[in-house]
């Protein structure tokens, strides 16, 4: 019993148990619906053949709602044809949590991808749009956005490789 009293607070302090508990607010607040949300891209950071792009989800309704998890992404060509999409977890991201999104408030996640293969002759198809599906939504959020995503080990790129972070509360901070 004494060991439990020592371990549980230590795990909670370390952030390991934070995803297990649901606050009274999130328990009573419904999950966000696609009709409540708007998706847009933040300011990209580009360098060394890579792009880091914050994506922002805003609550455009007048009701609070709950978000959680890591979005699932699908790259789309012109005409909404699905392109190869290989989603990977961002190894440097904060863990996923559950939080309440107030009216007018924003949440964010980060998309990272390579924009070059290192070999001039290798190429991948360009995406004209991105579908973003949240864990509890049936219908994806859609964003028109050009993405030239590469990945994998050279000399054989794996087209459409995306590293994605979990949703976090708040809008991204502007780049200085």
C-alpha atoms as a PDB file:
ATOM      1  CA  UNK A   1       0.000   0.000   0.000  1.00  0.00           C
ATOM      2  CA  UNK A   2       2.820   2.394   0.878  1.00  0.00           C
ATOM      3  CA  UNK A   3       4.528   1.634  -2.449  1.00  0.00           C
ATOM      4  CA  UNK A   4       1.302   2.520  -4.313  1.00  0.00           C
ATOM      5  CA  UNK A   5       1.097   5.856  -2.472  1.00  0.00           C
ATOM      6  CA  UNK A   6       4.630   6.643  -3.650  1.00  0.00           C
ATOM      7  CA  UNK A   7       4.420   5.373  -7.233  1.00  0.00           C
ATOM      8  CA  UNK A   8       1.065   6.857  -8.316  1.00  0.00           C
ATOM      9  CA  UNK A   9       1.960  10.471  -7.394  1.00  0.00           C
ATOM     10  CA  UNK A  10       5.390  10.046  -8.994  1.00  0.00           C
ATOM     11  CA  UNK A  11       3.851   8.763 -12.241  1.00  0.00           C
ATOM     12  CA  UNK A  12       1.290  11.578 -12.261  1.00  0.00           C
ATOM     13  CA  UNK A  13       4.045  14.145 -11.703  1.00  0.00           C
ATOM     14  CA  UNK A  14       6.061  12.665 -14.557  1.00  0.00           C
ATOM     15  CA  UNK A  15       3.010  13.009 -16.844  1.00  0.00           C
ATOM     16  CA  UNK A  16       2.537   9.286 -17.379  1.00  0.00           C
ATOM     17  CA  UNK A  17      -0.959   9.142 -15.889  1.00  0.00           C
ATOM     18  CA  UNK A  18      -2.280  12.426 -17.272  1.00  0.00           C
ATOM     19  CA  UNK A  19      -4.089  10.741 -20.177  1.00  0.00           C
ATOM     20  CA  UNK A  20      -5.873   8.308 -17.861  1.00  0.00           C
ATOM     21  CA  UNK A  21      -7.948  10.794 -15.913  1.00  0.00           C
ATOM     22  CA  UNK A  22     -10.819  12.807 -17.336  1.00  0.00           C
ATOM     23  CA  UNK A  23     -11.670  16.082 -15.683  1.00  0.00           C
ATOM     24  CA  UNK A  24     -15.301  16.765 -14.743  1.00  0.00           C
ATOM     25  CA  UNK A  25     -15.410  19.446 -17.472  1.00  0.00           C
ATOM     26  CA  UNK A  26     -14.399  17.103 -20.294  1.00  0.00           C
ATOM     27  CA  UNK A  27     -16.677  14.334 -18.996  1.00  0.00           C
ATOM     28  CA  UNK A  28     -19.741  16.600 -19.368  1.00  0.00           C
ATOM     29  CA  UNK A  29     -18.700  18.412 -22.539  1.00  0.00           C
ATOM     30  CA  UNK A  30     -19.487  16.709 -25.864  1.00  0.00           C
ATOM     31  CA  UNK A  31     -16.775  15.841 -28.387  1.00  0.00           C
ATOM     32  CA  UNK A  32     -16.259  18.364 -31.180  1.00  0.00           C
ATOM     33  CA  UNK A  33     -18.221  17.848 -34.405  1.00  0.00           C
ATOM     34  CA  UNK A  34     -16.812  18.605 -37.852  1.00  0.00           C
ATOM     35  CA  UNK A  35     -19.462  21.299 -38.327  1.00  0.00           C
ATOM     36  CA  UNK A  36     -18.039  23.174 -35.300  1.00  0.00           C
ATOM     37  CA  UNK A  37     -14.456  23.203 -36.562  1.00  0.00           C
ATOM     38  CA  UNK A  38     -12.379  25.081 -39.133  1.00  0.00           C
ATOM     39  CA  UNK A  39      -8.919  23.987 -40.290  1.00  0.00           C
ATOM     40  CA  UNK A  40      -6.152  26.245 -41.594  1.00  0.00           C
ATOM     41  CA  UNK A  41      -2.386  26.218 -41.965  1.00  0.00           C
ATOM     42  CA  UNK A  42      -0.084  28.328 -39.831  1.00  0.00           C
ATOM     43  CA  UNK A  43       3.281  29.739 -40.879  1.00  0.00           C
ATOM     44  CA  UNK A  44       5.627  27.044 -42.198  1.00  0.00           C
ATOM     45  CA  UNK A  45       9.258  26.711 -41.206  1.00  0.00           C
ATOM     46  CA  UNK A  46      11.341  25.608 -44.190  1.00  0.00           C
ATOM     47  CA  UNK A  47      14.967  24.580 -44.372  1.00  0.00           C
ATOM     48  CA  UNK A  48      17.432  21.888 -45.398  1.00  0.00           C
ATOM     49  CA  UNK A  49      14.875  20.142 -47.611  1.00  0.00           C
ATOM     50  CA  UNK A  50      12.225  19.872 -44.871  1.00  0.00           C
ATOM     51  CA  UNK A  51       9.015  21.661 -43.924  1.00  0.00           C
ATOM     52  CA  UNK A  52       7.451  21.948 -40.476  1.00  0.00           C
ATOM     53  CA  UNK A  53       3.891  23.187 -40.784  1.00  0.00           C
ATOM     54  CA  UNK A  54       1.582  23.963 -37.860  1.00  0.00           C
ATOM     55  CA  UNK A  55      -2.050  23.194 -38.610  1.00  0.00           C
ATOM     56  CA  UNK A  56      -4.722  24.947 -36.575  1.00  0.00           C
ATOM     57  CA  UNK A  57      -8.213  23.737 -35.718  1.00  0.00           C
ATOM     58  CA  UNK A  58     -10.570  26.456 -34.495  1.00  0.00           C
ATOM     59  CA  UNK A  59     -13.876  26.071 -32.696  1.00  0.00           C
ATOM     60  CA  UNK A  60     -16.159  28.255 -34.835  1.00  0.00           C
ATOM     61  CA  UNK A  61     -19.299  27.377 -32.869  1.00  0.00           C
ATOM     62  CA  UNK A  62     -20.688  28.993 -29.742  1.00  0.00           C
ATOM     63  CA  UNK A  63     -20.436  25.765 -27.702  1.00  0.00           C
ATOM     64  CA  UNK A  64     -17.540  24.144 -25.872  1.00  0.00           C
ATOM     65  CA  UNK A  65     -16.353  20.777 -27.159  1.00  0.00           C
ATOM     66  CA  UNK A  66     -13.639  18.204 -26.453  1.00  0.00           C
ATOM     67  CA  UNK A  67     -10.691  17.209 -28.653  1.00  0.00           C
ATOM     68  CA  UNK A  68      -8.041  14.531 -28.178  1.00  0.00           C
ATOM     69  CA  UNK A  69      -5.579  12.260 -29.933  1.00  0.00           C
ATOM     70  CA  UNK A  70      -3.524  12.455 -33.100  1.00  0.00           C
ATOM     71  CA  UNK A  71      -5.237  13.352 -36.375  1.00  0.00           C
ATOM     72  CA  UNK A  72      -5.127  10.889 -39.293  1.00  0.00           C
ATOM     73  CA  UNK A  73      -4.008  12.475 -42.544  1.00  0.00           C
ATOM     74  CA  UNK A  74      -4.667  11.690 -46.190  1.00  0.00           C
ATOM     75  CA  UNK A  75      -2.893  13.465 -49.055  1.00  0.00           C
ATOM     76  CA  UNK A  76      -5.103  14.180 -52.071  1.00  0.00           C
ATOM     77  CA  UNK A  77      -4.316  14.975 -55.709  1.00  0.00           C
ATOM     78  CA  UNK A  78      -6.365  17.305 -57.873  1.00  0.00           C
ATOM     79  CA  UNK A  79      -9.883  15.865 -58.081  1.00  0.00           C
ATOM     80  CA  UNK A  80      -9.640  14.435 -54.523  1.00  0.00           C
ATOM     81  CA  UNK A  81      -7.855  11.267 -55.704  1.00  0.00           C
ATOM     82  CA  UNK A  82      -6.036   9.685 -52.751  1.00  0.00           C
ATOM     83  CA  UNK A  83      -2.236   9.744 -52.876  1.00  0.00           C
ATOM     84  CA  UNK A  84       0.082   7.419 -50.941  1.00  0.00           C
ATOM     85  CA  UNK A  85       0.201   8.704 -47.370  1.00  0.00           C
ATOM     86  CA  UNK A  86       2.507   7.163 -44.754  1.00  0.00           C
ATOM     87  CA  UNK A  87       1.871   8.738 -41.372  1.00  0.00           C
ATOM     88  CA  UNK A  88       4.489   8.494 -38.630  1.00  0.00           C
ATOM     89  CA  UNK A  89       4.368   9.726 -35.031  1.00  0.00           C
ATOM     90  CA  UNK A  90       6.486  12.807 -34.383  1.00  0.00           C
ATOM     91  CA  UNK A  91       9.146  11.452 -32.002  1.00  0.00           C
ATOM     92  CA  UNK A  92       9.705  14.885 -30.412  1.00  0.00           C
ATOM     93  CA  UNK A  93       6.076  15.819 -29.762  1.00  0.00           C
ATOM     94  CA  UNK A  94       4.318  16.109 -26.421  1.00  0.00           C
ATOM     95  CA  UNK A  95       2.039  13.173 -25.569  1.00  0.00           C
ATOM     96  CA  UNK A  96      -1.608  13.248 -26.591  1.00  0.00           C
ATOM     97  CA  UNK A  97      -4.115  14.560 -24.096  1.00  0.00           C
ATOM     98  CA  UNK A  98      -7.783  15.439 -23.843  1.00  0.00           C
ATOM     99  CA  UNK A  99      -8.842  19.066 -23.546  1.00  0.00           C
ATOM    100  CA  UNK A 100     -11.860  21.321 -23.899  1.00  0.00           C
ATOM    101  CA  UNK A 101     -11.960  23.801 -26.749  1.00  0.00           C
ATOM    102  CA  UNK A 102     -13.932  26.944 -25.887  1.00  0.00           C
ATOM    103  CA  UNK A 103     -15.839  28.896 -28.552  1.00  0.00           C
ATOM    104  CA  UNK A 104     -13.310  30.810 -30.657  1.00  0.00           C
ATOM    105  CA  UNK A 105     -10.376  28.874 -29.191  1.00  0.00           C
ATOM    106  CA  UNK A 106      -7.833  26.917 -31.224  1.00  0.00           C
ATOM    107  CA  UNK A 107      -5.916  23.660 -31.063  1.00  0.00           C
ATOM    108  CA  UNK A 108      -2.861  22.755 -33.093  1.00  0.00           C
ATOM    109  CA  UNK A 109      -0.787  19.890 -34.386  1.00  0.00           C
ATOM    110  CA  UNK A 110       2.372  19.825 -36.436  1.00  0.00           C
ATOM    111  CA  UNK A 111       3.022  18.236 -39.796  1.00  0.00           C
ATOM    112  CA  UNK A 112       6.645  17.625 -40.828  1.00  0.00           C
ATOM    113  CA  UNK A 113       7.859  16.283 -44.157  1.00  0.00           C
ATOM    114  CA  UNK A 114      10.885  16.132 -46.437  1.00  0.00           C
ATOM    115  CA  UNK A 115      10.633  18.110 -49.677  1.00  0.00           C
ATOM    116  CA  UNK A 116      13.543  16.563 -51.540  1.00  0.00           C
ATOM    117  CA  UNK A 117      14.978  13.121 -52.161  1.00  0.00           C
ATOM    118  CA  UNK A 118      18.611  14.136 -52.591  1.00  0.00           C
ATOM    119  CA  UNK A 119      18.568  12.635 -56.094  1.00  0.00           C
ATOM    120  CA  UNK A 120      17.542  14.965 -58.905  1.00  0.00           C
ATOM    121  CA  UNK A 121      15.845  12.202 -60.906  1.00  0.00           C
ATOM    122  CA  UNK A 122      13.585  10.929 -58.102  1.00  0.00           C
ATOM    123  CA  UNK A 123      10.199  12.563 -57.670  1.00  0.00           C
ATOM    124  CA  UNK A 124       6.890  12.110 -55.892  1.00  0.00           C
ATOM    125  CA  UNK A 125       3.417  13.362 -56.838  1.00  0.00           C
ATOM    126  CA  UNK A 126       2.321  16.728 -55.455  1.00  0.00           C
ATOM    127  CA  UNK A 127      -0.684  16.839 -53.169  1.00  0.00           C
ATOM    128  CA  UNK A 128      -3.239  19.576 -53.826  1.00  0.00           C
ATOM    129  CA  UNK A 129      -5.146  19.062 -50.581  1.00  0.00           C
ATOM    130  CA  UNK A 130      -5.125  17.333 -47.225  1.00  0.00           C
ATOM    131  CA  UNK A 131      -7.915  15.527 -45.361  1.00  0.00           C
ATOM    132  CA  UNK A 132      -7.598  15.584 -41.566  1.00  0.00           C
ATOM    133  CA  UNK A 133      -9.684  13.099 -39.605  1.00  0.00           C
ATOM    134  CA  UNK A 134      -9.928  13.407 -35.841  1.00  0.00           C
ATOM    135  CA  UNK A 135     -10.257  10.237 -33.783  1.00  0.00           C
ATOM    136  CA  UNK A 136     -13.980  10.607 -33.131  1.00  0.00           C
ATOM    137  CA  UNK A 137     -15.095  12.188 -36.439  1.00  0.00           C
ATOM    138  CA  UNK A 138     -16.491  10.269 -39.380  1.00  0.00           C
ATOM    139  CA  UNK A 139     -16.103  13.151 -41.815  1.00  0.00           C
ATOM    140  CA  UNK A 140     -12.646  14.670 -42.337  1.00  0.00           C
ATOM    141  CA  UNK A 141     -11.738  18.329 -42.256  1.00  0.00           C
ATOM    142  CA  UNK A 142     -10.442  19.412 -45.670  1.00  0.00           C
ATOM    143  CA  UNK A 143      -7.668  21.873 -46.492  1.00  0.00           C
ATOM    144  CA  UNK A 144      -6.458  22.925 -49.934  1.00  0.00           C
ATOM    145  CA  UNK A 145      -2.693  22.932 -49.592  1.00  0.00           C
ATOM    146  CA  UNK A 146       0.217  21.972 -51.857  1.00  0.00           C
ATOM    147  CA  UNK A 147       2.474  19.361 -50.258  1.00  0.00           C
ATOM    148  CA  UNK A 148       5.426  17.653 -51.938  1.00  0.00           C
ATOM    149  CA  UNK A 149       6.168  14.977 -49.355  1.00  0.00           C
ATOM    150  CA  UNK A 150       9.084  12.578 -49.612  1.00  0.00           C
ATOM    151  CA  UNK A 151      10.558  10.274 -47.011  1.00  0.00           C
ATOM    152  CA  UNK A 152      12.254   6.980 -46.375  1.00  0.00           C
ATOM    153  CA  UNK A 153      15.868   6.089 -47.004  1.00  0.00           C
ATOM    154  CA  UNK A 154      17.710   7.096 -50.144  1.00  0.00           C
ATOM    155  CA  UNK A 155      17.986   6.115 -52.945  1.00  0.00           C
ATOM    156  CA  UNK A 156      14.423   4.782 -52.684  1.00  0.00           C
ATOM    157  CA  UNK A 157      12.126   7.541 -51.368  1.00  0.00           C
ATOM    158  CA  UNK A 158       8.765   6.633 -49.888  1.00  0.00           C
ATOM    159  CA  UNK A 159       6.379   9.223 -51.295  1.00  0.00           C
ATOM    160  CA  UNK A 160       3.873  10.775 -48.894  1.00  0.00           C
ATOM    161  CA  UNK A 161       5.750  10.249 -45.607  1.00  0.00           C
ATOM    162  CA  UNK A 162       4.420  12.636 -42.952  1.00  0.00           C
ATOM    163  CA  UNK A 163       5.438  12.986 -39.290  1.00  0.00           C
ATOM    164  CA  UNK A 164       2.479  14.168 -37.214  1.00  0.00           C
ATOM    165  CA  UNK A 165       2.180  15.368 -33.621  1.00  0.00           C
ATOM    166  CA  UNK A 166      -0.860  14.888 -31.363  1.00  0.00           C
ATOM    167  CA  UNK A 167      -3.385  17.686 -30.910  1.00  0.00           C
ATOM    168  CA  UNK A 168      -2.406  20.294 -28.339  1.00  0.00           C
ATOM    169  CA  UNK A 169      -4.490  23.189 -26.971  1.00  0.00           C
ATOM    170  CA  UNK A 170      -3.734  26.712 -28.198  1.00  0.00           C
ATOM    171  CA  UNK A 171      -2.673  28.310 -31.453  1.00  0.00           C
ATOM    172  CA  UNK A 172       0.938  28.083 -32.631  1.00  0.00           C
ATOM    173  CA  UNK A 173       3.284  30.883 -31.600  1.00  0.00           C
ATOM    174  CA  UNK A 174       4.325  33.182 -34.467  1.00  0.00           C
ATOM    175  CA  UNK A 175       7.854  32.754 -35.813  1.00  0.00           C
ATOM    176  CA  UNK A 176      10.261  35.553 -34.985  1.00  0.00           C
END
